[in-house]
Amino acid sequence: MEIQLWRELLDPYEQAVSELLKKFCNVREEYLKKNMYAPIESVSGRVKTVASILEKMQRKNISFETLEEDLDDIAGIRIICQFVEDIEKVAALIGKRTDMEIRSTKDYLRNQKGSGYRSFHLIVWYTVQTIDGPKKLQVEIQIRTMAMNFWATTEHSLQYKYKGEIPAHISQQLNRASEAIEILDREMSQVRSEIMDAQIDSQIETNLVKDILRNIENLYKLDNKREVVKIQNEFYRIFSTHNLEELKRFHRQLDIIAEGSRAQAVDPAVNHQ
């Protein structure tokens, strides 16, 4: 049997995980920059360890020759959502992308595992560019809520501890916990619109503050510094009121002032017209 070059095998998968993490984080950032609710709360990824791959190969009787074909989760991406409704939205977003192709789906929300495991899985084809040319890989994408992820992480740790043979009394406790988490997700869905509104307002405030401070810094370089200090103090006063409409009004007025200062900086003659 030939020597298995594991580093050479796994490097393209590391590249795929790195690229996909960046792409899904960019999706979240795009929503936030547009002051929209982001269905993606967080993203993580990993490439299976050699020990984990070998264990699964032995358990499923997979040969080295068919490893990359038969093992579809060497590379894994986990997308965490706040609400169950977000899972379907994220899956639809992935389905519309042209840089990956969905090969198969596993819906453990409608078809919950006996253990209580709930999640939505996609297996996608993703191509990385290497010095030897393009390489098409399988990547598993798990989409679940924060509550589901808490349960799954706990269950995974217990599976590892008990080598897949979790005692019956612990399995029963896990099932009860899974039922409680399902109820929690349903309850959270009832207040989803209120939470989304609050988060959108928070993001609008964050973007406004960032833009206001950038304008103040630019004015400080171009304009009467004493006047700019007054503007900054007024901003701090308004910010302390936590009044979003007042902050928006201040932002509009500051935009006008900043635009005038930029015009004067480009054409000083404007001052004398």
Protein backbone atom coordinates (compact mmCIF):
# COMPACT_ATOMS: atom_id res chain seq x y z
CA MET A 1 0.00 0.00 0.00
CA GLU A 2 1.27 3.48 -0.88
CA ILE A 3 2.09 6.05 1.79
CA GLN A 4 -0.91 8.29 2.42
CA LEU A 5 0.03 11.95 1.97
CA TRP A 6 -2.53 13.39 4.37
CA ARG A 7 -1.28 16.98 4.22
CA GLU A 8 -1.49 16.96 0.44
CA LEU A 9 -4.99 15.47 0.63
CA LEU A 10 -6.35 17.88 3.24
CA ASP A 11 -4.78 21.17 2.08
CA PRO A 12 -7.48 21.84 -0.58
CA TYR A 13 -10.17 21.22 2.07
CA GLU A 14 -8.49 23.76 4.38
CA GLN A 15 -8.56 26.21 1.48
CA ALA A 16 -12.26 25.51 0.83
CA VAL A 17 -13.19 26.09 4.49
CA SER A 18 -11.19 29.34 4.60
CA GLU A 19 -12.85 30.67 1.44
CA LEU A 20 -16.37 29.66 2.47
CA LEU A 21 -16.00 31.18 5.93
CA LYS A 22 -15.06 34.48 4.31
CA LYS A 23 -17.93 34.30 1.82
CA PHE A 24 -20.62 33.58 4.42
CA CYS A 25 -19.25 36.25 6.76
CA ASN A 26 -19.47 38.66 3.82
CA VAL A 27 -23.14 37.71 3.34
CA ARG A 28 -23.82 38.66 6.96
CA GLU A 29 -21.88 41.93 6.62
CA GLU A 30 -23.78 42.83 3.46
CA TYR A 31 -27.10 42.59 5.32
CA LEU A 32 -25.78 44.68 8.21
CA LYS A 33 -24.32 47.40 6.00
CA LYS A 34 -27.73 47.77 4.37
CA ASN A 35 -29.38 48.05 7.80
CA MET A 36 -31.18 44.75 7.25
CA TYR A 37 -31.74 41.82 9.61
CA ALA A 38 -29.07 39.16 8.93
CA PRO A 39 -30.38 35.56 8.94
CA ILE A 40 -26.81 34.41 9.62
CA GLU A 41 -25.77 34.99 13.23
CA SER A 42 -22.33 33.38 13.07
CA VAL A 43 -20.23 31.00 10.94
CA SER A 44 -17.55 28.48 11.84
CA GLY A 45 -15.73 25.77 9.94
CA ARG A 46 -13.32 22.89 10.27
CA VAL A 47 -11.54 20.13 8.40
CA LYS A 48 -11.81 16.68 9.99
CA THR A 49 -8.70 15.50 11.79
CA VAL A 50 -6.89 12.48 10.38
CA ALA A 51 -7.90 10.49 13.49
CA SER A 52 -11.57 11.35 12.91
CA ILE A 53 -11.33 10.42 9.21
CA LEU A 54 -9.67 7.09 9.99
CA GLU A 55 -12.29 6.27 12.63
CA LYS A 56 -15.13 6.96 10.18
CA MET A 57 -13.41 4.99 7.42
CA GLN A 58 -13.17 1.98 9.71
CA ARG A 59 -16.74 2.34 10.94
CA LYS A 60 -18.21 2.66 7.45
CA ASN A 61 -15.71 0.35 5.72
CA ILE A 62 -14.45 3.08 3.36
CA SER A 63 -11.25 2.47 1.38
CA PHE A 64 -8.51 5.04 0.77
CA GLU A 65 -9.24 4.82 -2.95
CA THR A 66 -12.84 6.00 -2.52
CA LEU A 67 -12.26 8.23 0.51
CA GLU A 68 -13.03 11.60 -1.11
CA GLU A 69 -16.07 10.19 -2.90
CA ASP A 70 -17.59 8.34 0.06
CA LEU A 71 -16.78 10.83 2.83
CA ASP A 72 -18.81 13.99 2.24
CA ASP A 73 -17.95 15.83 5.47
CA ILE A 74 -14.15 16.10 5.38
CA ALA A 75 -14.75 19.85 5.15
CA GLY A 76 -17.55 21.30 7.24
CA ILE A 77 -19.17 24.71 7.61
CA ARG A 78 -21.62 25.48 10.43
CA ILE A 79 -24.01 28.40 10.06
CA ILE A 80 -25.83 29.48 13.21
CA CYS A 81 -29.17 31.32 13.01
CA GLN A 82 -31.26 32.97 15.68
CA PHE A 83 -34.61 31.57 14.53
CA VAL A 84 -35.86 28.38 12.89
CA GLU A 85 -37.36 30.49 10.07
CA ASP A 86 -33.88 31.76 9.20
CA ILE A 87 -32.64 28.24 8.39
CA GLU A 88 -34.83 27.96 5.29
CA LYS A 89 -33.81 31.46 4.18
CA VAL A 90 -30.10 30.64 4.47
CA ALA A 91 -30.58 27.37 2.58
CA ALA A 92 -32.37 29.30 -0.19
CA LEU A 93 -29.50 31.82 -0.36
CA ILE A 94 -27.02 28.98 -0.79
CA GLY A 95 -29.21 27.41 -3.49
CA LYS A 96 -29.05 30.63 -5.55
CA ARG A 97 -25.27 30.92 -5.47
CA THR A 98 -23.26 30.15 -8.57
CA ASP A 99 -19.99 29.39 -6.76
CA MET A 100 -21.33 26.18 -5.19
CA GLU A 101 -23.76 23.47 -6.20
CA ILE A 102 -26.06 21.59 -3.84
CA ARG A 103 -25.53 17.85 -4.21
CA SER A 104 -27.93 16.65 -1.51
CA THR A 105 -29.87 17.75 1.57
CA LYS A 106 -30.61 16.12 4.91
CA ASP A 107 -33.52 17.67 6.79
CA TYR A 108 -33.23 16.72 10.47
CA LEU A 109 -35.82 19.35 11.39
CA ARG A 110 -38.77 17.57 9.79
CA ASN A 111 -37.10 14.17 10.23
CA GLN A 112 -35.56 14.46 13.67
CA LYS A 113 -33.07 11.78 14.66
CA GLY A 114 -34.06 9.39 17.44
CA SER A 115 -31.38 10.92 19.65
CA GLY A 116 -33.15 14.30 19.47
CA TYR A 117 -30.67 15.82 17.00
CA ARG A 118 -32.14 18.64 14.90
CA SER A 119 -30.33 20.49 12.12
CA PHE A 120 -30.45 21.09 8.37
CA HIS A 121 -27.56 19.74 6.30
CA LEU A 122 -26.48 20.53 2.76
CA ILE A 123 -23.75 18.72 0.88
CA VAL A 124 -22.37 21.07 -1.76
CA TRP A 125 -19.79 20.82 -4.48
CA TYR A 126 -17.23 23.60 -4.18
CA THR A 127 -14.23 24.14 -6.45
CA VAL A 128 -10.91 25.50 -5.19
CA GLN A 129 -8.13 26.73 -7.45
CA THR A 130 -4.78 25.09 -6.75
CA ILE A 131 -1.38 25.25 -8.49
CA ASP A 132 -2.32 21.92 -10.08
CA GLY A 133 -5.60 23.33 -11.39
CA PRO A 134 -9.19 23.34 -10.11
CA LYS A 135 -10.26 20.71 -7.57
CA LYS A 136 -13.93 19.97 -6.96
CA LEU A 137 -14.67 19.04 -3.34
CA GLN A 138 -17.63 18.01 -1.24
CA VAL A 139 -18.39 20.26 1.73
CA GLU A 140 -21.02 19.69 4.41
CA ILE A 141 -22.91 22.81 5.49
CA GLN A 142 -24.88 22.52 8.74
CA ILE A 143 -27.54 25.17 9.41
CA ARG A 144 -29.13 25.31 12.86
CA THR A 145 -30.32 27.67 15.58
CA MET A 146 -28.20 28.66 18.57
CA ALA A 147 -30.35 26.43 20.79
CA MET A 148 -29.97 23.44 18.44
CA ASN A 149 -26.22 24.00 18.33
CA PHE A 150 -25.97 24.00 22.12
CA TRP A 151 -27.72 20.62 22.24
CA ALA A 152 -25.69 19.15 19.36
CA THR A 153 -22.37 20.26 20.87
CA THR A 154 -23.28 18.65 24.19
CA GLU A 155 -24.44 15.43 22.53
CA HIS A 156 -21.24 15.26 20.44
CA SER A 157 -19.10 15.52 23.58
CA LEU A 158 -21.06 12.69 25.20
CA GLN A 159 -20.77 10.55 22.07
CA TYR A 160 -17.00 11.00 22.23
CA LYS A 161 -16.86 10.21 25.95
CA TYR A 162 -18.94 7.04 25.66
CA LYS A 163 -17.56 5.96 22.25
CA GLY A 164 -21.02 6.13 20.68
CA GLU A 165 -22.65 4.06 23.44
CA ILE A 166 -24.35 6.71 25.58
CA PRO A 167 -26.05 5.17 28.66
CA ALA A 168 -29.84 4.92 28.45
CA HIS A 169 -30.52 7.33 31.31
CA ILE A 170 -28.35 10.01 29.70
CA SER A 171 -30.04 9.43 26.32
CA GLN A 172 -33.40 10.00 27.98
CA GLN A 173 -32.17 13.25 29.49
CA LEU A 174 -30.86 14.35 26.08
CA ASN A 175 -34.24 13.62 24.50
CA ARG A 176 -36.01 15.69 27.14
CA ALA A 177 -33.51 18.51 26.59
CA SER A 178 -34.14 18.31 22.84
CA GLU A 179 -37.89 18.66 23.40
CA ALA A 180 -37.29 21.68 25.64
CA ILE A 181 -35.07 23.28 22.98
CA GLU A 182 -37.74 22.73 20.34
CA ILE A 183 -40.24 24.53 22.59
CA LEU A 184 -37.70 27.33 23.15
CA ASP A 185 -37.23 27.80 19.40
CA ARG A 186 -41.02 27.97 18.92
CA GLU A 187 -41.34 30.55 21.71
CA MET A 188 -38.54 32.66 20.22
CA SER A 189 -40.32 32.59 16.86
CA GLN A 190 -43.34 34.21 18.53
CA VAL A 191 -41.28 37.34 19.32
CA ARG A 192 -39.16 37.18 16.16
CA SER A 193 -40.50 40.39 14.60
CA GLU A 194 -39.88 42.41 17.77
CA ILE A 195 -36.33 41.08 18.11
CA MET A 196 -35.62 41.73 14.43
CA ASP A 197 -36.86 45.33 14.73
CA ALA A 198 -34.67 45.91 17.78
CA GLN A 199 -31.60 44.48 16.05
CA ILE A 200 -32.20 46.51 12.89
CA ASP A 201 -32.50 49.71 14.98
CA SER A 202 -29.28 48.81 16.77
CA GLN A 203 -27.48 48.28 13.45
CA ILE A 204 -28.84 51.56 12.06
CA GLU A 205 -27.51 53.33 15.15
CA THR A 206 -24.11 51.63 14.76
CA ASN A 207 -23.83 52.69 11.11
CA LEU A 208 -24.97 56.25 11.86
CA VAL A 209 -22.43 56.65 14.67
CA LYS A 210 -19.65 55.34 12.43
CA ASP A 211 -20.60 57.78 9.67
CA ILE A 212 -21.02 60.74 12.06
CA LEU A 213 -17.62 60.19 13.66
CA ARG A 214 -15.98 59.90 10.25
CA ASN A 215 -17.54 63.23 9.23
CA ILE A 216 -16.43 64.88 12.48
CA GLU A 217 -12.85 63.67 12.00
CA ASN A 218 -12.82 64.97 8.41
CA LEU A 219 -14.26 68.33 9.52
CA TYR A 220 -11.58 68.60 12.21
CA LYS A 221 -8.94 68.48 9.46
CA LEU A 222 -10.69 71.04 7.23
CA ASP A 223 -12.75 73.39 9.37
CA ASN A 224 -12.64 75.63 12.45
CA LYS A 225 -11.53 73.23 15.17
CA ARG A 226 -13.41 75.06 17.93
CA GLU A 227 -16.67 74.73 15.99
CA VAL A 228 -16.01 71.06 15.33
CA VAL A 229 -15.54 70.45 19.05
CA LYS A 230 -19.00 71.98 19.58
CA ILE A 231 -20.43 69.64 16.93
CA GLN A 232 -18.80 66.67 18.64
CA ASN A 233 -20.21 67.66 22.04
CA GLU A 234 -23.67 67.98 20.49
CA PHE A 235 -23.29 64.48 19.04
CA TYR A 236 -22.40 63.07 22.48
CA ARG A 237 -25.45 64.81 23.97
CA ILE A 238 -27.81 63.37 21.35
CA PHE A 239 -26.25 59.92 21.58
CA SER A 240 -26.84 59.88 25.34
CA THR A 241 -30.59 60.34 24.78
CA HIS A 242 -30.82 57.05 22.83
CA ASN A 243 -33.24 58.79 20.46
CA LEU A 244 -32.72 57.24 17.02
CA GLU A 245 -34.78 59.87 15.19
CA GLU A 246 -32.73 62.69 16.75
CA LEU A 247 -29.56 60.87 15.73
CA LYS A 248 -30.83 60.57 12.15
CA ARG A 249 -31.66 64.30 12.10
CA PHE A 250 -28.20 65.19 13.42
CA HIS A 251 -26.63 62.90 10.79
CA ARG A 252 -28.51 64.66 7.96
CA GLN A 253 -27.48 68.10 9.21
CA LEU A 254 -23.86 67.02 9.62
CA ASP A 255 -23.84 65.64 6.08
CA ILE A 256 -24.84 69.08 4.79
CA ILE A 257 -22.11 70.79 6.85
CA ALA A 258 -19.51 68.24 5.73
CA GLU A 259 -20.50 68.61 2.07
CA GLY A 260 -20.12 72.40 2.35
CA SER A 261 -16.67 72.07 3.94
CA ARG A 262 -15.54 69.68 1.22
CA ALA A 263 -16.71 72.13 -1.45
CA GLN A 264 -14.78 74.96 0.21
CA ALA A 265 -11.67 72.81 0.45
CA VAL A 266 -11.82 72.08 -3.30
CA ASP A 267 -12.65 75.70 -4.27
CA PRO A 268 -11.61 78.28 -1.62
CA ALA A 269 -13.22 81.00 -3.75
CA VAL A 270 -16.60 79.72 -2.56
CA ASN A 271 -15.99 81.64 0.70
CA HIS A 272 -15.83 84.96 -1.20
CA GLN A 273 -18.79 84.61 -3.53
